Amino acid sequence: MFRPIARRDSWPWLSVDEIATYLGSQRDTVYKWIERKSMPAHKVERLWKFRKEEIDQWVRGGGSNRVDRGGTNDG
């Protein structure tokens, strides 16, 4: 039986590139946010994956604007 492939925008997990594009930022910034600002991310083998809903919540909560552990705000 034929099953249609789900549209990409309906998939629950986004890649680093996709989340960077969604937020209008660079890949390096996403990696910094994961490391320094507790961006919600899930490691699947060697890849970071994101749920759009978690990222939206994190942004609304000011996650990308928090001062990191080093005392700088490098957004």
C-alpha atoms as a PDB file:
ATOM      1  CA  MET A   1       0.000   0.000   0.000  1.00  0.00           C
ATOM      2  CA  PHE A   2       1.295   3.451  -0.943  1.00  0.00           C
ATOM      3  CA  ARG A   3       1.841   5.906   1.917  1.00  0.00           C
ATOM      4  CA  PRO A   4       2.575   9.528   1.052  1.00  0.00           C
ATOM      5  CA  ILE A   5       5.719  11.042   2.518  1.00  0.00           C
ATOM      6  CA  ALA A   6       5.006  13.707   5.119  1.00  0.00           C
ATOM      7  CA  ARG A   7       5.807  17.261   4.162  1.00  0.00           C
ATOM      8  CA  ARG A   8       9.130  18.402   5.596  1.00  0.00           C
ATOM      9  CA  ASP A   9       7.564  21.284   7.542  1.00  0.00           C
ATOM     10  CA  SER A  10       5.396  18.796   9.457  1.00  0.00           C
ATOM     11  CA  TRP A  11       8.383  16.815  10.781  1.00  0.00           C
ATOM     12  CA  PRO A  12       8.863  17.285  14.518  1.00  0.00           C
ATOM     13  CA  TRP A  13      12.682  17.581  14.497  1.00  0.00           C
ATOM     14  CA  LEU A  14      14.760  20.368  12.929  1.00  0.00           C
ATOM     15  CA  SER A  15      18.498  20.367  12.185  1.00  0.00           C
ATOM     16  CA  VAL A  16      21.045  23.014  13.204  1.00  0.00           C
ATOM     17  CA  ASP A  17      20.851  24.561   9.722  1.00  0.00           C
ATOM     18  CA  GLU A  18      17.060  24.614   9.779  1.00  0.00           C
ATOM     19  CA  ILE A  19      16.863  26.162  13.258  1.00  0.00           C
ATOM     20  CA  ALA A  20      19.497  28.767  12.330  1.00  0.00           C
ATOM     21  CA  THR A  21      17.453  29.724   9.263  1.00  0.00           C
ATOM     22  CA  TYR A  22      14.239  29.763  11.296  1.00  0.00           C
ATOM     23  CA  LEU A  23      15.808  32.139  13.846  1.00  0.00           C
ATOM     24  CA  GLY A  24      17.685  34.211  11.260  1.00  0.00           C
ATOM     25  CA  SER A  25      21.047  33.430  12.837  1.00  0.00           C
ATOM     26  CA  GLN A  26      24.254  31.578  11.981  1.00  0.00           C
ATOM     27  CA  ARG A  27      25.142  27.929  12.717  1.00  0.00           C
ATOM     28  CA  ASP A  28      27.946  29.045  15.052  1.00  0.00           C
ATOM     29  CA  THR A  29      25.479  31.117  17.065  1.00  0.00           C
ATOM     30  CA  VAL A  30      23.190  28.109  17.489  1.00  0.00           C
ATOM     31  CA  TYR A  31      26.117  26.032  18.812  1.00  0.00           C
ATOM     32  CA  LYS A  32      27.015  28.852  21.250  1.00  0.00           C
ATOM     33  CA  TRP A  33      23.407  29.050  22.444  1.00  0.00           C
ATOM     34  CA  ILE A  34      23.395  25.288  23.080  1.00  0.00           C
ATOM     35  CA  GLU A  35      26.644  25.458  25.035  1.00  0.00           C
ATOM     36  CA  ARG A  36      26.264  28.760  26.903  1.00  0.00           C
ATOM     37  CA  LYS A  37      22.602  29.640  27.075  1.00  0.00           C
ATOM     38  CA  SER A  38      20.833  26.329  27.584  1.00  0.00           C
ATOM     39  CA  MET A  39      19.093  26.297  24.222  1.00  0.00           C
ATOM     40  CA  PRO A  40      16.805  23.249  24.230  1.00  0.00           C
ATOM     41  CA  ALA A  41      18.473  20.712  21.953  1.00  0.00           C
ATOM     42  CA  HIS A  42      18.592  16.935  21.730  1.00  0.00           C
ATOM     43  CA  LYS A  43      21.681  15.014  20.645  1.00  0.00           C
ATOM     44  CA  VAL A  44      20.865  12.147  18.284  1.00  0.00           C
ATOM     45  CA  GLU A  45      24.105  10.266  17.734  1.00  0.00           C
ATOM     46  CA  ARG A  46      26.405  13.046  16.430  1.00  0.00           C
ATOM     47  CA  LEU A  47      23.656  15.468  15.390  1.00  0.00           C
ATOM     48  CA  TRP A  48      21.792  18.134  17.322  1.00  0.00           C
ATOM     49  CA  LYS A  49      18.027  18.140  16.755  1.00  0.00           C
ATOM     50  CA  PHE A  50      15.437  20.687  17.838  1.00  0.00           C
ATOM     51  CA  ARG A  51      11.692  20.867  18.356  1.00  0.00           C
ATOM     52  CA  LYS A  52      10.292  24.113  17.005  1.00  0.00           C
ATOM     53  CA  GLU A  53       7.852  24.433  19.913  1.00  0.00           C
ATOM     54  CA  GLU A  54      10.693  24.208  22.481  1.00  0.00           C
ATOM     55  CA  ILE A  55      12.737  26.803  20.606  1.00  0.00           C
ATOM     56  CA  ASP A  56       9.747  29.164  20.385  1.00  0.00           C
ATOM     57  CA  GLN A  57       9.256  28.862  24.151  1.00  0.00           C
ATOM     58  CA  TRP A  58      12.968  29.436  24.811  1.00  0.00           C
ATOM     59  CA  VAL A  59      13.007  32.574  22.634  1.00  0.00           C
ATOM     60  CA  ARG A  60       9.797  33.946  24.208  1.00  0.00           C
ATOM     61  CA  GLY A  61      11.366  33.373  27.627  1.00  0.00           C
ATOM     62  CA  GLY A  62      14.365  35.506  26.649  1.00  0.00           C
ATOM     63  CA  GLY A  63      16.774  32.572  26.311  1.00  0.00           C
ATOM     64  CA  SER A  64      18.760  34.086  23.463  1.00  0.00           C
ATOM     65  CA  ASN A  65      19.193  37.355  25.382  1.00  0.00           C
ATOM     66  CA  ARG A  66      20.508  35.914  28.662  1.00  0.00           C
ATOM     67  CA  VAL A  67      24.029  36.799  29.734  1.00  0.00           C
ATOM     68  CA  ASP A  68      26.255  33.732  29.436  1.00  0.00           C
ATOM     69  CA  ARG A  69      28.457  32.252  32.193  1.00  0.00           C
ATOM     70  CA  GLY A  70      31.434  34.325  31.065  1.00  0.00           C
ATOM     71  CA  GLY A  71      29.567  37.551  31.794  1.00  0.00           C
ATOM     72  CA  THR A  72      29.135  38.629  28.182  1.00  0.00           C
ATOM     73  CA  ASN A  73      26.075  38.810  26.024  1.00  0.00           C
ATOM     74  CA  ASP A  74      27.287  37.602  22.638  1.00  0.00           C
ATOM     75  CA  GLY A  75      23.782  36.662  21.471  1.00  0.00           C
END
